[in-house]
Amino acid sequence: MNESPRWLITMKRYDQVYRILFKQKCHYEIQRAPVEAITDKKTEVQSETVPSLWIKLKEGPLKQFHELFGTWKMRRLITISYFMYCVTSLSYYVTALNAANLSVSRYLYVAITGMVDLPSYLVPVIFLRFTGRRTTTMTLFTLTGIALLMVLVVPTGKTLWIISFAMLGRFGISATYSIVNLYTAELYPTEIRSSALGTCSTWAHVGSISAPYVVDVLGLLGWYIPTTLCGCCVLVAGLLTLALPETSTHKISDRVEEVPSESSSESEGNTTSAVAKAKETESNCNRI
């Protein structure tokens, strides 16, 4: 497979981008600086002070980590994403393993869970055609949280209602799981997208690892505790989604500086991205 052209452009490897897009070698010659200018530049660099160990680490092995957590804007995005992934994975597996606490046949519970999962992956496709990523994610989080908390309100003997609300929560969290992956990939610029998704996946595994302990240990204290805990966490995740920017109304950014700083600044994000693209195009033309 070819390398991502967007990533190659951010790395300023334009000849490889040309070869991938047009299936031939780039016939443009990039004008290089004269030897005298390069020599003078090397002399200036050598005359400067030697960079510290922290600067070497920040620009080397810790570059991706620094770009993820270096600014308040990125720290806010990545922290909310971690919580969303952890809560979504936790609720997904808790609703799959919670048959014993709901006093229902395991075989029947698994069969119903499988039937609920099928439409839950189709509903987001319809939602996304009419609403944005943020609205859809917040709506499904809210639906899931309310459904899981309704299990606590239903009287003890109403097993059918308890299973119905639990399956409605399962439906919501399965649909949310499919949208969170898409939404998170669009939140981060090209240069740190792989690192962001990788670390988010790690927190998703933290949630899935915790699910059996929530079901087996907390379920012994009360049959309603696992669903109630997940319902509260999911509602908090839905509220935190309001602090994220909408990604369906502007282009995907390539650099950290192009990420919108506020959730209500979609138009500003469009303007910033367009200006950055124009400057980059002009710079590339000057280099050729």
C-alpha atoms as a PDB file:
ATOM      1  CA  MET A   1       0.000   0.000   0.000  1.00  0.00           C
ATOM      2  CA  ASN A   2       1.075   3.546  -0.680  1.00  0.00           C
ATOM      3  CA  GLU A   3       1.862   5.993   2.087  1.00  0.00           C
ATOM      4  CA  SER A   4      -0.811   8.577   2.912  1.00  0.00           C
ATOM      5  CA  PRO A   5      -0.353  11.610   0.601  1.00  0.00           C
ATOM      6  CA  ARG A   6      -1.656  13.925   3.326  1.00  0.00           C
ATOM      7  CA  TRP A   7       1.031  12.710   5.712  1.00  0.00           C
ATOM      8  CA  LEU A   8       3.733  12.989   3.051  1.00  0.00           C
ATOM      9  CA  ILE A   9       2.713  16.597   2.406  1.00  0.00           C
ATOM     10  CA  THR A  10       3.014  17.415   6.105  1.00  0.00           C
ATOM     11  CA  MET A  11       6.507  15.899   5.986  1.00  0.00           C
ATOM     12  CA  LYS A  12       7.264  18.001   2.843  1.00  0.00           C
ATOM     13  CA  ARG A  13       8.077  14.927   0.715  1.00  0.00           C
ATOM     14  CA  TYR A  14       6.379  16.307  -2.392  1.00  0.00           C
ATOM     15  CA  ASP A  15       8.167  14.129  -4.940  1.00  0.00           C
ATOM     16  CA  GLN A  16       6.681  10.976  -3.382  1.00  0.00           C
ATOM     17  CA  VAL A  17       3.228  12.557  -3.359  1.00  0.00           C
ATOM     18  CA  TYR A  18       3.558  13.343  -7.073  1.00  0.00           C
ATOM     19  CA  ARG A  19       4.626   9.767  -7.818  1.00  0.00           C
ATOM     20  CA  ILE A  20       1.649   8.320  -5.919  1.00  0.00           C
ATOM     21  CA  LEU A  21      -0.953  10.642  -7.428  1.00  0.00           C
ATOM     22  CA  PHE A  22       0.220  10.718 -11.052  1.00  0.00           C
ATOM     23  CA  LYS A  23       1.954   7.301 -11.279  1.00  0.00           C
ATOM     24  CA  GLN A  24       5.137   8.812 -12.657  1.00  0.00           C
ATOM     25  CA  LYS A  25       8.298  10.469 -11.479  1.00  0.00           C
ATOM     26  CA  CYS A  26       8.063  14.144 -10.651  1.00  0.00           C
ATOM     27  CA  HIS A  27       9.421  16.163 -13.595  1.00  0.00           C
ATOM     28  CA  TYR A  28       9.697  19.372 -11.548  1.00  0.00           C
ATOM     29  CA  GLU A  29      13.016  20.319 -10.070  1.00  0.00           C
ATOM     30  CA  ILE A  30      13.026  21.727  -6.576  1.00  0.00           C
ATOM     31  CA  GLN A  31      15.427  24.628  -6.356  1.00  0.00           C
ATOM     32  CA  ARG A  32      17.965  23.971  -3.655  1.00  0.00           C
ATOM     33  CA  ALA A  33      19.853  26.597  -1.705  1.00  0.00           C
ATOM     34  CA  PRO A  34      23.381  27.510  -2.937  1.00  0.00           C
ATOM     35  CA  VAL A  35      26.348  25.774  -1.350  1.00  0.00           C
ATOM     36  CA  GLU A  36      27.534  29.071   0.185  1.00  0.00           C
ATOM     37  CA  ALA A  37      24.193  29.588   1.910  1.00  0.00           C
ATOM     38  CA  ILE A  38      24.241  26.032   3.259  1.00  0.00           C
ATOM     39  CA  THR A  39      27.799  26.498   4.545  1.00  0.00           C
ATOM     40  CA  ASP A  40      26.906  29.780   6.226  1.00  0.00           C
ATOM     41  CA  LYS A  41      23.842  28.198   7.787  1.00  0.00           C
ATOM     42  CA  LYS A  42      25.886  25.300   9.159  1.00  0.00           C
ATOM     43  CA  THR A  43      28.388  27.754  10.616  1.00  0.00           C
ATOM     44  CA  GLU A  44      25.595  29.677  12.313  1.00  0.00           C
ATOM     45  CA  VAL A  45      24.127  26.491  13.733  1.00  0.00           C
ATOM     46  CA  GLN A  46      27.483  25.342  15.054  1.00  0.00           C
ATOM     47  CA  SER A  47      28.111  28.745  16.638  1.00  0.00           C
ATOM     48  CA  GLU A  48      24.871  28.511  18.574  1.00  0.00           C
ATOM     49  CA  THR A  49      24.646  26.792  21.932  1.00  0.00           C
ATOM     50  CA  VAL A  50      24.151  23.040  22.017  1.00  0.00           C
ATOM     51  CA  PRO A  51      20.455  22.176  22.565  1.00  0.00           C
ATOM     52  CA  SER A  52      19.559  20.717  25.917  1.00  0.00           C
ATOM     53  CA  LEU A  53      18.583  17.102  26.512  1.00  0.00           C
ATOM     54  CA  TRP A  54      14.915  18.076  26.943  1.00  0.00           C
ATOM     55  CA  ILE A  55      14.848  19.786  23.540  1.00  0.00           C
ATOM     56  CA  LYS A  56      16.439  16.729  21.900  1.00  0.00           C
ATOM     57  CA  LEU A  57      13.838  14.460  23.496  1.00  0.00           C
ATOM     58  CA  LYS A  58      10.980  16.829  22.634  1.00  0.00           C
ATOM     59  CA  GLU A  59      11.987  16.956  18.991  1.00  0.00           C
ATOM     60  CA  GLY A  60      12.897  13.259  18.818  1.00  0.00           C
ATOM     61  CA  PRO A  61      11.308  10.294  20.646  1.00  0.00           C
ATOM     62  CA  LEU A  62       8.791  12.426  22.588  1.00  0.00           C
ATOM     63  CA  LYS A  63       7.662  14.543  19.643  1.00  0.00           C
ATOM     64  CA  GLN A  64       4.311  12.784  19.205  1.00  0.00           C
ATOM     65  CA  PHE A  65       3.684  12.812  22.960  1.00  0.00           C
ATOM     66  CA  HIS A  66       4.516  16.507  23.168  1.00  0.00           C
ATOM     67  CA  GLU A  67       2.170  17.354  20.290  1.00  0.00           C
ATOM     68  CA  LEU A  68      -0.637  15.379  21.947  1.00  0.00           C
ATOM     69  CA  PHE A  69      -0.292  17.046  25.349  1.00  0.00           C
ATOM     70  CA  GLY A  70       1.750  20.177  24.592  1.00  0.00           C
ATOM     71  CA  THR A  71      -1.158  22.644  24.456  1.00  0.00           C
ATOM     72  CA  TRP A  72      -4.342  23.035  26.461  1.00  0.00           C
ATOM     73  CA  LYS A  73      -6.413  22.652  23.280  1.00  0.00           C
ATOM     74  CA  MET A  74      -4.964  19.216  22.516  1.00  0.00           C
ATOM     75  CA  ARG A  75      -5.002  18.094  26.165  1.00  0.00           C
ATOM     76  CA  ARG A  76      -8.718  18.822  26.330  1.00  0.00           C
ATOM     77  CA  LEU A  77      -9.434  16.874  23.147  1.00  0.00           C
ATOM     78  CA  ILE A  78      -7.318  13.858  24.040  1.00  0.00           C
ATOM     79  CA  THR A  79      -8.607  13.623  27.644  1.00  0.00           C
ATOM     80  CA  ILE A  80     -12.243  13.658  26.524  1.00  0.00           C
ATOM     81  CA  SER A  81     -11.450  11.082  23.832  1.00  0.00           C
ATOM     82  CA  TYR A  82      -9.799   8.793  26.388  1.00  0.00           C
ATOM     83  CA  PHE A  83     -12.851   8.969  28.634  1.00  0.00           C
ATOM     84  CA  MET A  84     -15.242   8.382  25.724  1.00  0.00           C
ATOM     85  CA  TYR A  85     -13.348   5.300  24.556  1.00  0.00           C
ATOM     86  CA  CYS A  86     -12.995   3.847  28.062  1.00  0.00           C
ATOM     87  CA  VAL A  87     -16.672   4.360  28.955  1.00  0.00           C
ATOM     88  CA  THR A  88     -17.929   3.093  25.597  1.00  0.00           C
ATOM     89  CA  SER A  89     -15.882  -0.093  25.789  1.00  0.00           C
ATOM     90  CA  LEU A  90     -16.773  -0.627  29.461  1.00  0.00           C
ATOM     91  CA  SER A  91     -20.514  -0.270  28.822  1.00  0.00           C
ATOM     92  CA  TYR A  92     -20.348  -2.407  25.671  1.00  0.00           C
ATOM     93  CA  TYR A  93     -18.888  -5.399  27.502  1.00  0.00           C
ATOM     94  CA  VAL A  94     -20.852  -4.890  30.709  1.00  0.00           C
ATOM     95  CA  THR A  95     -24.110  -5.127  28.762  1.00  0.00           C
ATOM     96  CA  ALA A  96     -22.780  -8.275  27.081  1.00  0.00           C
ATOM     97  CA  LEU A  97     -21.754 -10.042  30.315  1.00  0.00           C
ATOM     98  CA  ASN A  98     -24.529  -8.939  32.653  1.00  0.00           C
ATOM     99  CA  ALA A  99     -26.932 -11.864  32.121  1.00  0.00           C
ATOM    100  CA  ALA A 100     -26.408 -13.413  35.584  1.00  0.00           C
ATOM    101  CA  ASN A 101     -27.152 -10.156  37.428  1.00  0.00           C
ATOM    102  CA  LEU A 102     -30.403  -9.700  35.465  1.00  0.00           C
ATOM    103  CA  SER A 103     -31.531 -13.260  36.305  1.00  0.00           C
ATOM    104  CA  VAL A 104     -32.096 -14.312  32.709  1.00  0.00           C
ATOM    105  CA  SER A 105     -30.948 -17.301  30.652  1.00  0.00           C
ATOM    106  CA  ARG A 106     -27.441 -16.742  29.306  1.00  0.00           C
ATOM    107  CA  TYR A 107     -28.330 -18.321  25.956  1.00  0.00           C
ATOM    108  CA  LEU A 108     -31.413 -16.150  25.513  1.00  0.00           C
ATOM    109  CA  TYR A 109     -29.474 -13.050  26.598  1.00  0.00           C
ATOM    110  CA  VAL A 110     -26.671 -13.665  24.094  1.00  0.00           C
ATOM    111  CA  ALA A 111     -29.192 -14.312  21.309  1.00  0.00           C
ATOM    112  CA  ILE A 112     -31.043 -11.057  22.032  1.00  0.00           C
ATOM    113  CA  THR A 113     -27.744  -9.174  22.234  1.00  0.00           C
ATOM    114  CA  GLY A 114     -26.752 -10.450  18.795  1.00  0.00           C
ATOM    115  CA  MET A 115     -30.079  -9.415  17.280  1.00  0.00           C
ATOM    116  CA  VAL A 116     -29.800  -5.945  18.815  1.00  0.00           C
ATOM    117  CA  ASP A 117     -26.286  -5.433  17.434  1.00  0.00           C
ATOM    118  CA  LEU A 118     -27.383  -5.846  13.816  1.00  0.00           C
ATOM    119  CA  PRO A 119     -29.600  -2.724  13.528  1.00  0.00           C
ATOM    120  CA  SER A 120     -27.351  -0.738  15.874  1.00  0.00           C
ATOM    121  CA  TYR A 121     -24.675  -0.558  13.175  1.00  0.00           C
ATOM    122  CA  LEU A 122     -27.154   0.640  10.542  1.00  0.00           C
ATOM    123  CA  VAL A 123     -28.852   3.413  12.536  1.00  0.00           C
ATOM    124  CA  PRO A 124     -25.714   5.648  12.732  1.00  0.00           C
ATOM    125  CA  VAL A 125     -25.545   5.696   8.932  1.00  0.00           C
ATOM    126  CA  ILE A 126     -29.006   7.282   8.831  1.00  0.00           C
ATOM    127  CA  PHE A 127     -28.251   9.667  11.701  1.00  0.00           C
ATOM    128  CA  LEU A 128     -25.046  10.934  10.109  1.00  0.00           C
ATOM    129  CA  ARG A 129     -26.854  11.882   6.894  1.00  0.00           C
ATOM    130  CA  PHE A 130     -28.991  14.438   8.735  1.00  0.00           C
ATOM    131  CA  THR A 131     -26.941  15.470  11.788  1.00  0.00           C
ATOM    132  CA  GLY A 132     -23.292  16.086  12.564  1.00  0.00           C
ATOM    133  CA  ARG A 133     -20.831  13.881  14.379  1.00  0.00           C
ATOM    134  CA  ARG A 134     -21.095  15.697  17.683  1.00  0.00           C
ATOM    135  CA  THR A 135     -24.906  15.783  17.749  1.00  0.00           C
ATOM    136  CA  THR A 136     -25.196  12.109  16.853  1.00  0.00           C
ATOM    137  CA  THR A 137     -22.621  11.041  19.436  1.00  0.00           C
ATOM    138  CA  MET A 138     -24.215  13.123  22.203  1.00  0.00           C
ATOM    139  CA  THR A 139     -27.718  11.846  21.343  1.00  0.00           C
ATOM    140  CA  LEU A 140     -26.686   8.204  21.416  1.00  0.00           C
ATOM    141  CA  PHE A 141     -24.723   8.674  24.644  1.00  0.00           C
ATOM    142  CA  THR A 142     -27.770  10.291  26.260  1.00  0.00           C
ATOM    143  CA  LEU A 143     -30.134   7.573  25.001  1.00  0.00           C
ATOM    144  CA  THR A 144     -27.815   4.861  26.321  1.00  0.00           C
ATOM    145  CA  GLY A 145     -27.372   6.509  29.730  1.00  0.00           C
ATOM    146  CA  ILE A 146     -31.113   7.017  30.261  1.00  0.00           C
ATOM    147  CA  ALA A 147     -31.894   3.439  29.196  1.00  0.00           C
ATOM    148  CA  LEU A 148     -29.312   1.952  31.579  1.00  0.00           C
ATOM    149  CA  LEU A 149     -30.501   4.126  34.480  1.00  0.00           C
ATOM    150  CA  MET A 150     -34.120   3.111  33.834  1.00  0.00           C
ATOM    151  CA  VAL A 151     -33.142  -0.420  34.885  1.00  0.00           C
ATOM    152  CA  LEU A 152     -32.801   0.978  38.410  1.00  0.00           C
ATOM    153  CA  VAL A 153     -36.336   2.420  38.354  1.00  0.00           C
ATOM    154  CA  VAL A 154     -38.148  -0.718  37.161  1.00  0.00           C
ATOM    155  CA  PRO A 155     -39.589  -2.863  40.012  1.00  0.00           C
ATOM    156  CA  THR A 156     -37.693  -6.053  40.841  1.00  0.00           C
ATOM    157  CA  GLY A 157     -40.271  -8.486  39.497  1.00  0.00           C
ATOM    158  CA  LYS A 158     -40.554  -6.878  36.040  1.00  0.00           C
ATOM    159  CA  THR A 159     -37.855  -8.952  34.343  1.00  0.00           C
ATOM    160  CA  LEU A 160     -39.127  -8.271  30.837  1.00  0.00           C
ATOM    161  CA  TRP A 161     -38.916  -4.498  31.319  1.00  0.00           C
ATOM    162  CA  ILE A 162     -35.471  -4.786  32.861  1.00  0.00           C
ATOM    163  CA  ILE A 163     -34.184  -6.764  29.872  1.00  0.00           C
ATOM    164  CA  SER A 164     -35.874  -4.328  27.454  1.00  0.00           C
ATOM    165  CA  PHE A 165     -34.127  -1.301  28.950  1.00  0.00           C
ATOM    166  CA  ALA A 166     -30.825  -3.181  29.168  1.00  0.00           C
ATOM    167  CA  MET A 167     -31.088  -4.105  25.481  1.00  0.00           C
ATOM    168  CA  LEU A 168     -31.982  -0.518  24.593  1.00  0.00           C
ATOM    169  CA  GLY A 169     -28.791   0.513  26.357  1.00  0.00           C
ATOM    170  CA  ARG A 170     -26.931  -2.174  24.459  1.00  0.00           C
ATOM    171  CA  PHE A 171     -28.370  -0.840  21.208  1.00  0.00           C
ATOM    172  CA  GLY A 172     -27.262   2.704  22.012  1.00  0.00           C
ATOM    173  CA  ILE A 173     -23.739   1.834  23.109  1.00  0.00           C
ATOM    174  CA  SER A 174     -23.153  -0.405  20.070  1.00  0.00           C
ATOM    175  CA  ALA A 175     -24.213   2.427  17.771  1.00  0.00           C
ATOM    176  CA  THR A 176     -22.035   4.861  19.718  1.00  0.00           C
ATOM    177  CA  TYR A 177     -19.025   2.571  19.425  1.00  0.00           C
ATOM    178  CA  SER A 178     -19.148   2.741  15.630  1.00  0.00           C
ATOM    179  CA  ILE A 179     -19.444   6.557  15.574  1.00  0.00           C
ATOM    180  CA  VAL A 180     -16.768   7.255  18.213  1.00  0.00           C
ATOM    181  CA  ASN A 181     -14.109   5.678  15.986  1.00  0.00           C
ATOM    182  CA  LEU A 182     -15.091   7.882  13.038  1.00  0.00           C
ATOM    183  CA  TYR A 183     -15.473  11.032  15.125  1.00  0.00           C
ATOM    184  CA  THR A 184     -12.143  10.627  16.916  1.00  0.00           C
ATOM    185  CA  ALA A 185     -10.252  10.040  13.657  1.00  0.00           C
ATOM    186  CA  GLU A 186     -11.581  13.369  12.320  1.00  0.00           C
ATOM    187  CA  LEU A 187     -10.771  15.311  15.491  1.00  0.00           C
ATOM    188  CA  TYR A 188      -6.991  15.058  15.207  1.00  0.00           C
ATOM    189  CA  PRO A 189      -4.666  16.387  12.485  1.00  0.00           C
ATOM    190  CA  THR A 190      -2.780  14.084  10.153  1.00  0.00           C
ATOM    191  CA  GLU A 191       0.583  14.404  11.891  1.00  0.00           C
ATOM    192  CA  ILE A 192      -0.685  12.988  15.228  1.00  0.00           C
ATOM    193  CA  ARG A 193      -3.785  11.032  14.183  1.00  0.00           C
ATOM    194  CA  SER A 194      -2.156   7.597  14.459  1.00  0.00           C
ATOM    195  CA  SER A 195      -0.771   8.354  17.935  1.00  0.00           C
ATOM    196  CA  ALA A 196      -4.123   9.697  19.114  1.00  0.00           C
ATOM    197  CA  LEU A 197      -6.079   6.686  17.857  1.00  0.00           C
ATOM    198  CA  GLY A 198      -3.489   4.270  19.253  1.00  0.00           C
ATOM    199  CA  THR A 199      -3.608   5.716  22.749  1.00  0.00           C
ATOM    200  CA  CYS A 200      -7.422   5.959  22.606  1.00  0.00           C
ATOM    201  CA  SER A 201      -7.530   2.263  21.727  1.00  0.00           C
ATOM    202  CA  THR A 202      -5.393   1.562  24.786  1.00  0.00           C
ATOM    203  CA  TRP A 203      -7.962   3.254  27.024  1.00  0.00           C
ATOM    204  CA  ALA A 204     -10.711   1.284  25.296  1.00  0.00           C
ATOM    205  CA  HIS A 205      -8.909  -1.898  26.345  1.00  0.00           C
ATOM    206  CA  VAL A 206      -8.743  -0.566  29.903  1.00  0.00           C
ATOM    207  CA  GLY A 207     -12.539  -0.362  29.840  1.00  0.00           C
ATOM    208  CA  SER A 208     -12.961  -3.843  28.381  1.00  0.00           C
ATOM    209  CA  ILE A 209     -10.554  -5.321  30.958  1.00  0.00           C
ATOM    210  CA  SER A 210     -12.518  -3.653  33.767  1.00  0.00           C
ATOM    211  CA  ALA A 211     -15.915  -4.918  32.541  1.00  0.00           C
ATOM    212  CA  PRO A 212     -15.742  -8.482  33.998  1.00  0.00           C
ATOM    213  CA  TYR A 213     -14.738  -7.115  37.422  1.00  0.00           C
ATOM    214  CA  VAL A 214     -17.594  -4.595  37.349  1.00  0.00           C
ATOM    215  CA  VAL A 215     -20.075  -7.369  36.489  1.00  0.00           C
ATOM    216  CA  ASP A 216     -18.777 -10.043  38.884  1.00  0.00           C
ATOM    217  CA  VAL A 217     -17.528  -8.015  41.855  1.00  0.00           C
ATOM    218  CA  LEU A 218     -19.921  -5.068  41.953  1.00  0.00           C
ATOM    219  CA  GLY A 219     -22.757  -7.319  40.808  1.00  0.00           C
ATOM    220  CA  LEU A 220     -22.454  -9.242  44.083  1.00  0.00           C
ATOM    221  CA  LEU A 221     -23.142  -6.042  46.022  1.00  0.00           C
ATOM    222  CA  GLY A 222     -26.225  -5.261  43.953  1.00  0.00           C
ATOM    223  CA  TRP A 223     -27.588  -6.573  40.673  1.00  0.00           C
ATOM    224  CA  TYR A 224     -28.324  -3.012  39.501  1.00  0.00           C
ATOM    225  CA  ILE A 225     -24.868  -1.529  40.219  1.00  0.00           C
ATOM    226  CA  PRO A 226     -23.146  -2.425  36.887  1.00  0.00           C
ATOM    227  CA  THR A 227     -25.854  -0.883  34.707  1.00  0.00           C
ATOM    228  CA  THR A 228     -26.220   2.145  37.000  1.00  0.00           C
ATOM    229  CA  LEU A 229     -22.463   2.796  36.988  1.00  0.00           C
ATOM    230  CA  CYS A 230     -22.310   2.552  33.206  1.00  0.00           C
ATOM    231  CA  GLY A 231     -25.387   4.760  32.808  1.00  0.00           C
ATOM    232  CA  CYS A 232     -23.857   7.554  34.909  1.00  0.00           C
ATOM    233  CA  CYS A 233     -20.505   7.360  33.092  1.00  0.00           C
ATOM    234  CA  VAL A 234     -22.204   7.389  29.690  1.00  0.00           C
ATOM    235  CA  LEU A 235     -24.227  10.489  30.573  1.00  0.00           C
ATOM    236  CA  VAL A 236     -21.035  12.269  31.654  1.00  0.00           C
ATOM    237  CA  ALA A 237     -19.424  11.278  28.340  1.00  0.00           C
ATOM    238  CA  GLY A 238     -22.419  12.747  26.492  1.00  0.00           C
ATOM    239  CA  LEU A 239     -22.008  16.065  28.312  1.00  0.00           C
ATOM    240  CA  LEU A 240     -18.277  16.133  27.598  1.00  0.00           C
ATOM    241  CA  THR A 241     -19.031  15.648  23.908  1.00  0.00           C
ATOM    242  CA  LEU A 242     -20.439  19.192  23.863  1.00  0.00           C
ATOM    243  CA  ALA A 243     -16.902  20.499  24.432  1.00  0.00           C
ATOM    244  CA  LEU A 244     -15.657  18.881  21.208  1.00  0.00           C
ATOM    245  CA  PRO A 245     -15.701  20.628  17.817  1.00  0.00           C
ATOM    246  CA  GLU A 246     -17.976  19.524  14.993  1.00  0.00           C
ATOM    247  CA  THR A 247     -15.912  17.836  12.278  1.00  0.00           C
ATOM    248  CA  SER A 248     -18.497  17.431   9.512  1.00  0.00           C
ATOM    249  CA  THR A 249     -18.563  21.152   8.669  1.00  0.00           C
ATOM    250  CA  HIS A 250     -14.864  21.752   7.986  1.00  0.00           C
ATOM    251  CA  LYS A 251     -11.985  19.983   6.314  1.00  0.00           C
ATOM    252  CA  ILE A 252      -9.773  17.549   8.150  1.00  0.00           C
ATOM    253  CA  SER A 253      -6.738  19.387   9.471  1.00  0.00           C
ATOM    254  CA  ASP A 254      -3.170  18.341   8.784  1.00  0.00           C
ATOM    255  CA  ARG A 255      -1.350  20.184  11.572  1.00  0.00           C
ATOM    256  CA  VAL A 256      -1.992  20.869  15.240  1.00  0.00           C
ATOM    257  CA  GLU A 257      -2.281  24.612  14.618  1.00  0.00           C
ATOM    258  CA  GLU A 258      -5.293  24.059  12.339  1.00  0.00           C
ATOM    259  CA  VAL A 259      -7.436  22.265  14.959  1.00  0.00           C
ATOM    260  CA  PRO A 260     -10.424  24.448  16.037  1.00  0.00           C
ATOM    261  CA  SER A 261      -9.947  25.743  19.577  1.00  0.00           C
ATOM    262  CA  GLU A 262     -13.639  25.926  20.541  1.00  0.00           C
ATOM    263  CA  SER A 263     -16.646  23.737  19.867  1.00  0.00           C
ATOM    264  CA  SER A 264     -18.614  26.622  18.341  1.00  0.00           C
ATOM    265  CA  SER A 265     -15.930  27.845  15.968  1.00  0.00           C
ATOM    266  CA  GLU A 266     -16.561  25.700  12.918  1.00  0.00           C
ATOM    267  CA  SER A 267     -16.483  28.688  10.584  1.00  0.00           C
ATOM    268  CA  GLU A 268     -13.231  29.951  12.115  1.00  0.00           C
ATOM    269  CA  GLY A 269     -11.775  26.493  11.641  1.00  0.00           C
ATOM    270  CA  ASN A 270     -12.755  26.606   7.991  1.00  0.00           C
ATOM    271  CA  THR A 271     -11.093  29.992   7.526  1.00  0.00           C
ATOM    272  CA  THR A 272      -7.906  28.964   9.328  1.00  0.00           C
ATOM    273  CA  SER A 273      -7.656  25.746   7.355  1.00  0.00           C
ATOM    274  CA  ALA A 274      -8.229  27.531   4.036  1.00  0.00           C
ATOM    275  CA  VAL A 275      -5.604  30.185   4.807  1.00  0.00           C
ATOM    276  CA  ALA A 276      -3.092  27.541   5.869  1.00  0.00           C
ATOM    277  CA  LYS A 277      -3.741  25.535   2.693  1.00  0.00           C
ATOM    278  CA  ALA A 278      -3.324  28.629   0.541  1.00  0.00           C
ATOM    279  CA  LYS A 279      -0.042  29.546   2.236  1.00  0.00           C
ATOM    280  CA  GLU A 280       1.220  26.001   1.838  1.00  0.00           C
ATOM    281  CA  THR A 281       0.288  25.923  -1.849  1.00  0.00           C
ATOM    282  CA  GLU A 282       2.003  29.264  -2.443  1.00  0.00           C
ATOM    283  CA  SER A 283       5.084  28.048  -0.615  1.00  0.00           C
ATOM    284  CA  ASN A 284       5.198  24.847  -2.681  1.00  0.00           C
ATOM    285  CA  CYS A 285       4.921  26.846  -5.916  1.00  0.00           C
ATOM    286  CA  ASN A 286       7.787  29.069  -4.845  1.00  0.00           C
ATOM    287  CA  ARG A 287       9.926  26.035  -4.072  1.00  0.00           C
ATOM    288  CA  ILE A 288       9.371  24.456  -7.505  1.00  0.00           C
END
